[in-house]
C-alpha atoms as a PDB file:
ATOM      1  CA  MET A   1     166.478-149.466 169.909  1.00  0.00           C
ATOM      2  CA  GLU A   2     163.950-149.036 172.695  1.00  0.00           C
ATOM      3  CA  ASN A   3     165.027-150.433 176.815  1.00  0.00           C
ATOM      4  CA  ILE A   4     163.366-153.692 177.624  1.00  0.00           C
ATOM      5  CA  LYS A   5     162.112-152.169 180.998  1.00  0.00           C
ATOM      6  CA  VAL A   6     159.058-150.481 178.779  1.00  0.00           C
ATOM      7  CA  LEU A   7     157.777-154.086 179.715  1.00  0.00           C
ATOM      8  CA  LEU A   8     157.547-153.169 183.148  1.00  0.00           C
ATOM      9  CA  SER A   9     155.387-150.244 182.063  1.00  0.00           C
ATOM     10  CA  THR A  10     152.901-151.656 179.982  1.00  0.00           C
ATOM     11  CA  LYS A  11     149.514-152.089 180.899  1.00  0.00           C
ATOM     12  CA  ASP A  12     148.491-154.307 177.542  1.00  0.00           C
ATOM     13  CA  LEU A  13     148.110-158.110 177.698  1.00  0.00           C
ATOM     14  CA  SER A  14     149.427-158.455 173.971  1.00  0.00           C
ATOM     15  CA  ILE A  15     151.971-155.779 173.955  1.00  0.00           C
ATOM     16  CA  PHE A  16     153.508-157.998 177.416  1.00  0.00           C
ATOM     17  CA  ALA A  17     153.275-161.258 175.305  1.00  0.00           C
ATOM     18  CA  ASN A  18     154.453-159.710 171.905  1.00  0.00           C
ATOM     19  CA  ILE A  19     157.718-158.437 174.153  1.00  0.00           C
ATOM     20  CA  LEU A  20     157.655-161.792 176.152  1.00  0.00           C
ATOM     21  CA  SER A  21     157.769-164.059 172.993  1.00  0.00           C
ATOM     22  CA  ASN A  22     160.558-162.395 171.515  1.00  0.00           C
ATOM     23  CA  SER A  23     162.848-162.652 174.718  1.00  0.00           C
ATOM     24  CA  ILE A  24     165.001-165.166 176.497  1.00  0.00           C
ATOM     25  CA  SER A  25     166.069-165.974 180.184  1.00  0.00           C
ATOM     26  CA  ASN A  26     169.341-165.938 181.557  1.00  0.00           C
ATOM     27  CA  ILE A  27     171.313-165.720 185.220  1.00  0.00           C
ATOM     28  CA  SER A  28     173.479-162.696 185.543  1.00  0.00           C
ATOM     29  CA  PHE A  29     177.556-162.835 186.880  1.00  0.00           C
ATOM     30  CA  TRP A  30     175.496-161.436 189.840  1.00  0.00           C
ATOM     31  CA  GLY A  31     173.243-163.868 190.205  1.00  0.00           C
ATOM     32  CA  ASN A  32     170.075-162.323 189.026  1.00  0.00           C
ATOM     33  CA  ARG A  33     167.448-164.146 186.879  1.00  0.00           C
ATOM     34  CA  ILE A  34     167.403-161.703 183.850  1.00  0.00           C
ATOM     35  CA  VAL A  35     165.266-161.660 180.906  1.00  0.00           C
ATOM     36  CA  LYS A  36     166.722-159.962 178.281  1.00  0.00           C
ATOM     37  CA  SER A  37     165.282-159.471 174.176  1.00  0.00           C
ATOM     38  CA  PRO A  38     167.191-159.063 170.708  1.00  0.00           C
ATOM     39  CA  LEU A  39     164.704-156.406 170.035  1.00  0.00           C
ATOM     40  CA  TYR A  40     165.417-154.339 172.872  1.00  0.00           C
ATOM     41  CA  GLU A  41     168.056-152.837 175.015  1.00  0.00           C
ATOM     42  CA  GLY A  42     168.832-153.881 178.358  1.00  0.00           C
ATOM     43  CA  LYS A  43     167.715-156.228 180.551  1.00  0.00           C
ATOM     44  CA  VAL A  44     165.053-156.125 183.393  1.00  0.00           C
ATOM     45  CA  PRO A  45     165.185-159.050 186.738  1.00  0.00           C
ATOM     46  CA  LEU A  46     162.254-161.798 186.091  1.00  0.00           C
ATOM     47  CA  GLU A  47     161.498-161.046 189.727  1.00  0.00           C
ATOM     48  CA  LYS A  48     160.178-157.472 188.849  1.00  0.00           C
ATOM     49  CA  VAL A  49     158.567-158.912 185.324  1.00  0.00           C
ATOM     50  CA  THR A  50     156.411-161.764 187.359  1.00  0.00           C
ATOM     51  CA  LYS A  51     155.666-158.644 190.094  1.00  0.00           C
ATOM     52  CA  HIS A  52     153.954-156.568 187.231  1.00  0.00           C
ATOM     53  CA  VAL A  53     152.189-160.226 185.476  1.00  0.00           C
ATOM     54  CA  LEU A  54     150.601-160.348 188.724  1.00  0.00           C
ATOM     55  CA  LYS A  55     149.684-156.888 189.306  1.00  0.00           C
ATOM     56  CA  LEU A  56     148.500-157.624 185.302  1.00  0.00           C
ATOM     57  CA  PHE A  57     146.153-160.607 186.174  1.00  0.00           C
ATOM     58  CA  ASN A  58     144.627-158.745 189.513  1.00  0.00           C
ATOM     59  CA  PRO A  59     141.645-156.707 187.293  1.00  0.00           C
ATOM     60  CA  LEU A  60     141.313-159.841 185.502  1.00  0.00           C
ATOM     61  CA  MET A  61     140.380-162.342 188.268  1.00  0.00           C
ATOM     62  CA  LYS A  62     137.910-159.860 189.548  1.00  0.00           C
ATOM     63  CA  ASN A  63     135.201-160.943 187.662  1.00  0.00           C
ATOM     64  CA  TRP A  64     136.761-163.449 185.402  1.00  0.00           C
ATOM     65  CA  ASP A  65     135.330-162.031 182.005  1.00  0.00           C
ATOM     66  CA  TYR A  66     138.357-162.083 179.341  1.00  0.00           C
ATOM     67  CA  SER A  67     138.523-162.891 175.981  1.00  0.00           C
ATOM     68  CA  LEU A  68     140.146-165.594 173.764  1.00  0.00           C
ATOM     69  CA  GLN A  69     142.590-163.130 172.212  1.00  0.00           C
ATOM     70  CA  ASP A  70     143.163-162.339 175.987  1.00  0.00           C
ATOM     71  CA  ARG A  71     143.313-165.742 176.970  1.00  0.00           C
ATOM     72  CA  ALA A  72     145.642-166.326 174.117  1.00  0.00           C
ATOM     73  CA  ASN A  73     148.175-163.468 175.877  1.00  0.00           C
ATOM     74  CA  ILE A  74     147.882-164.565 179.280  1.00  0.00           C
ATOM     75  CA  LYS A  75     149.243-168.612 177.677  1.00  0.00           C
ATOM     76  CA  ILE A  76     152.342-167.182 176.061  1.00  0.00           C
ATOM     77  CA  ILE A  77     152.732-164.989 179.270  1.00  0.00           C
ATOM     78  CA  GLU A  78     152.640-168.118 181.996  1.00  0.00           C
ATOM     79  CA  SER A  79     154.360-170.508 179.949  1.00  0.00           C
ATOM     80  CA  PHE A  80     157.431-167.377 179.294  1.00  0.00           C
ATOM     81  CA  ILE A  81     157.923-167.413 183.335  1.00  0.00           C
ATOM     82  CA  ASP A  82     157.022-171.152 184.048  1.00  0.00           C
ATOM     83  CA  LYS A  83     160.124-171.835 181.055  1.00  0.00           C
ATOM     84  CA  ALA A  84     162.225-169.135 182.824  1.00  0.00           C
ATOM     85  CA  TYR A  85     162.199-170.113 186.257  1.00  0.00           C
ATOM     86  CA  GLN A  86     162.350-174.016 185.082  1.00  0.00           C
ATOM     87  CA  GLU A  87     165.282-172.803 182.932  1.00  0.00           C
ATOM     88  CA  SER A  88     166.989-171.297 185.978  1.00  0.00           C
ATOM     89  CA  LYS A  89     167.831-174.945 187.342  1.00  0.00           C
ATOM     90  CA  ILE A  90     169.776-176.006 184.527  1.00  0.00           C
ATOM     91  CA  LEU A  91     171.731-172.614 183.805  1.00  0.00           C
ATOM     92  CA  TYR A  92     172.656-172.260 187.781  1.00  0.00           C
ATOM     93  CA  LYS A  93     174.657-175.790 186.815  1.00  0.00           C
ATOM     94  CA  LYS A  94     176.551-173.877 184.829  1.00  0.00           C
ATOM     95  CA  LEU A  95     177.340-170.770 186.712  1.00  0.00           C
ATOM     96  CA  SER A  96     180.845-170.120 188.212  1.00  0.00           C
ATOM     97  CA  LEU A  97     181.543-170.536 191.892  1.00  0.00           C
ATOM     98  CA  ILE A  98     181.304-166.579 192.283  1.00  0.00           C
ATOM     99  CA  SER A  99     178.185-166.439 190.084  1.00  0.00           C
ATOM    100  CA  LYS A 100     176.682-169.340 192.533  1.00  0.00           C
ATOM    101  CA  ILE A 101     177.469-167.560 195.588  1.00  0.00           C
ATOM    102  CA  PHE A 102     175.565-164.571 194.412  1.00  0.00           C
ATOM    103  CA  PHE A 103     172.798-166.079 193.303  1.00  0.00           C
ATOM    104  CA  HIS A 104     172.547-167.847 197.325  1.00  0.00           C
ATOM    105  CA  ILE A 105     172.843-164.557 198.192  1.00  0.00           C
ATOM    106  CA  GLN A 106     170.320-163.035 195.901  1.00  0.00           C
ATOM    107  CA  LYS A 107     167.856-165.994 197.261  1.00  0.00           C
ATOM    108  CA  LEU A 108     168.487-165.431 200.792  1.00  0.00           C
ATOM    109  CA  PHE A 109     167.394-161.727 200.443  1.00  0.00           C
ATOM    110  CA  ASN A 110     163.996-162.909 197.892  1.00  0.00           C
ATOM    111  CA  ILE A 111     162.829-165.125 200.744  1.00  0.00           C
ATOM    112  CA  PHE A 112     160.760-162.367 201.854  1.00  0.00           C
ATOM    113  CA  PHE A 113     160.482-160.457 198.481  1.00  0.00           C
ATOM    114  CA  SER A 114     159.830-163.451 196.312  1.00  0.00           C
ATOM    115  CA  TYR A 115     157.185-163.349 193.593  1.00  0.00           C
ATOM    116  CA  LYS A 116     158.412-166.704 192.381  1.00  0.00           C
ATOM    117  CA  LYS A 117     156.090-168.341 195.023  1.00  0.00           C
ATOM    118  CA  ARG A 118     153.447-166.555 194.936  1.00  0.00           C
ATOM    119  CA  TRP A 119     153.558-167.173 191.616  1.00  0.00           C
ATOM    120  CA  GLU A 120     153.700-170.364 191.977  1.00  0.00           C
ATOM    121  CA  ASN A 121     150.028-170.015 194.066  1.00  0.00           C
ATOM    122  CA  SER A 122     148.734-168.301 191.817  1.00  0.00           C
ATOM    123  CA  LEU A 123     145.502-169.468 189.554  1.00  0.00           C
ATOM    124  CA  SER A 124     145.949-170.248 185.920  1.00  0.00           C
ATOM    125  CA  LEU A 125     144.237-168.004 184.273  1.00  0.00           C
ATOM    126  CA  THR A 126     144.420-170.193 180.756  1.00  0.00           C
ATOM    127  CA  ASN A 127     142.991-173.212 182.130  1.00  0.00           C
ATOM    128  CA  LEU A 128     139.729-172.407 184.457  1.00  0.00           C
ATOM    129  CA  TYR A 129     136.909-171.121 183.007  1.00  0.00           C
ATOM    130  CA  SER A 130     133.829-169.220 184.739  1.00  0.00           C
ATOM    131  CA  ALA A 131     129.959-170.434 183.900  1.00  0.00           C
ATOM    132  CA  ALA A 132     129.814-167.002 181.334  1.00  0.00           C
ATOM    133  CA  GLN A 133     132.648-168.246 179.689  1.00  0.00           C
ATOM    134  CA  TYR A 134     132.854-171.432 179.780  1.00  0.00           C
ATOM    135  CA  ARG A 135     129.263-170.780 177.587  1.00  0.00           C
ATOM    136  CA  ARG A 136     130.848-168.499 175.554  1.00  0.00           C
ATOM    137  CA  ASP A 137     134.183-169.595 174.381  1.00  0.00           C
ATOM    138  CA  LEU A 138     133.721-173.981 174.546  1.00  0.00           C
ATOM    139  CA  LEU A 139     130.048-173.618 172.623  1.00  0.00           C
ATOM    140  CA  LYS A 140     128.472-175.958 175.507  1.00  0.00           C
ATOM    141  CA  ASP A 141     124.929-175.395 177.222  1.00  0.00           C
ATOM    142  CA  THR A 142     126.193-177.540 180.395  1.00  0.00           C
ATOM    143  CA  LEU A 143     128.476-176.938 182.889  1.00  0.00           C
ATOM    144  CA  PRO A 144     130.312-179.813 184.128  1.00  0.00           C
ATOM    145  CA  LYS A 145     128.998-181.616 187.496  1.00  0.00           C
ATOM    146  CA  GLU A 146     131.297-179.773 189.419  1.00  0.00           C
ATOM    147  CA  SER A 147     133.875-177.135 189.734  1.00  0.00           C
ATOM    148  CA  GLU A 148     137.427-177.217 190.168  1.00  0.00           C
ATOM    149  CA  ASP A 149     137.653-173.902 192.017  1.00  0.00           C
ATOM    150  CA  VAL A 150     136.040-171.082 193.476  1.00  0.00           C
ATOM    151  CA  TYR A 151     137.592-167.868 193.715  1.00  0.00           C
ATOM    152  CA  LYS A 152     135.747-164.701 194.889  1.00  0.00           C
ATOM    153  CA  GLY A 153     132.804-166.645 195.234  1.00  0.00           C
ATOM    154  CA  ILE A 154     133.244-167.464 191.068  1.00  0.00           C
ATOM    155  CA  GLU A 155     133.065-171.167 190.152  1.00  0.00           C
ATOM    156  CA  LEU A 156     135.536-171.926 187.636  1.00  0.00           C
ATOM    157  CA  TYR A 157     135.521-175.262 185.863  1.00  0.00           C
ATOM    158  CA  TYR A 158     137.987-177.033 183.817  1.00  0.00           C
ATOM    159  CA  PRO A 159     136.596-178.108 179.803  1.00  0.00           C
ATOM    160  CA  GLU A 160     135.729-181.125 179.389  1.00  0.00           C
ATOM    161  CA  ILE A 161     138.123-182.794 177.495  1.00  0.00           C
ATOM    162  CA  GLU A 162     136.466-185.965 174.695  1.00  0.00           C
ATOM    163  CA  TYR A 163     138.921-188.131 174.167  1.00  0.00           C
ATOM    164  CA  THR A 164     139.106-189.324 170.438  1.00  0.00           C
ATOM    165  CA  PRO A 165     141.591-191.935 169.177  1.00  0.00           C
ATOM    166  CA  LEU A 166     143.604-190.813 166.220  1.00  0.00           C
ATOM    167  CA  PHE A 167     144.258-193.909 165.082  1.00  0.00           C
ATOM    168  CA  GLU A 168     142.424-197.512 165.623  1.00  0.00           C
ATOM    169  CA  PRO A 169     144.861-199.748 166.862  1.00  0.00           C
ATOM    170  CA  LYS A 170     145.183-202.976 164.590  1.00  0.00           C
ATOM    171  CA  LYS A 171     144.211-206.348 166.316  1.00  0.00           C
ATOM    172  CA  ILE A 172     147.202-208.331 166.023  1.00  0.00           C
ATOM    173  CA  ASN A 173     146.364-212.482 166.367  1.00  0.00           C
ATOM    174  CA  PHE A 174     148.311-214.939 167.625  1.00  0.00           C
ATOM    175  CA  PRO A 175     146.707-218.510 167.057  1.00  0.00           C
ATOM    176  CA  MET A 176     149.483-219.767 169.572  1.00  0.00           C
ATOM    177  CA  ILE A 177     148.869-217.786 172.643  1.00  0.00           C
ATOM    178  CA  ASN A 178     144.907-217.548 172.833  1.00  0.00           C
ATOM    179  CA  ASN A 179     145.501-221.187 172.664  1.00  0.00           C
ATOM    180  CA  LEU A 180     147.682-221.229 175.461  1.00  0.00           C
ATOM    181  CA  ILE A 181     145.863-218.652 177.336  1.00  0.00           C
ATOM    182  CA  ASP A 182     142.706-220.852 176.893  1.00  0.00           C
ATOM    183  CA  ARG A 183     143.989-224.221 177.890  1.00  0.00           C
ATOM    184  CA  PHE A 184     145.956-222.084 181.246  1.00  0.00           C
ATOM    185  CA  VAL A 185     142.026-220.974 182.214  1.00  0.00           C
ATOM    186  CA  THR A 186     140.315-223.974 181.600  1.00  0.00           C
ATOM    187  CA  TYR A 187     142.972-226.102 183.332  1.00  0.00           C
ATOM    188  CA  PHE A 188     142.525-223.502 186.176  1.00  0.00           C
ATOM    189  CA  SER A 189     138.869-223.633 186.886  1.00  0.00           C
ATOM    190  CA  LYS A 190     138.713-227.175 186.768  1.00  0.00           C
ATOM    191  CA  LYS A 191     140.957-227.630 189.691  1.00  0.00           C
ATOM    192  CA  ASN A 192     138.871-225.265 191.676  1.00  0.00           C
END
């Protein structure tokens, strides 16, 4: 079995997404948020995974041009990291007192070196499209009227979602209630 630290050396988004899709997050006895996989040996701190992901995403944000397959892999990676940080809040409640103390010591040291804040403040690569991507991937000729964000001079757009109801709601007819409403409206309209 290969060591999961190979995760931190890969530069291929599809391999990275595949490893993370089979991984779980946890908190160690020493208070570290960790990532483990049943397919690999060992564990990796979540902070190091987040740091590596931010390094992987930087080239993609230079010209904001990447394929739909990259976008799907990015979605897997983003959702895993978001979920891991959310789960750590739940897992914290189950820790022993000693582990909670170690967790807070780790948190204290991570104030200056934390990648969690950088992750939370980074742009979501799966939801925003450049003008070229918008036309190519969404097959639309016209862009939305306003861009949602500008990154390094590149205007970014959220896709316009057209609402289509899944079903038509049934119209329920209550003659007695309709009659009361009509009487109420006519009564108060006569008073004025």
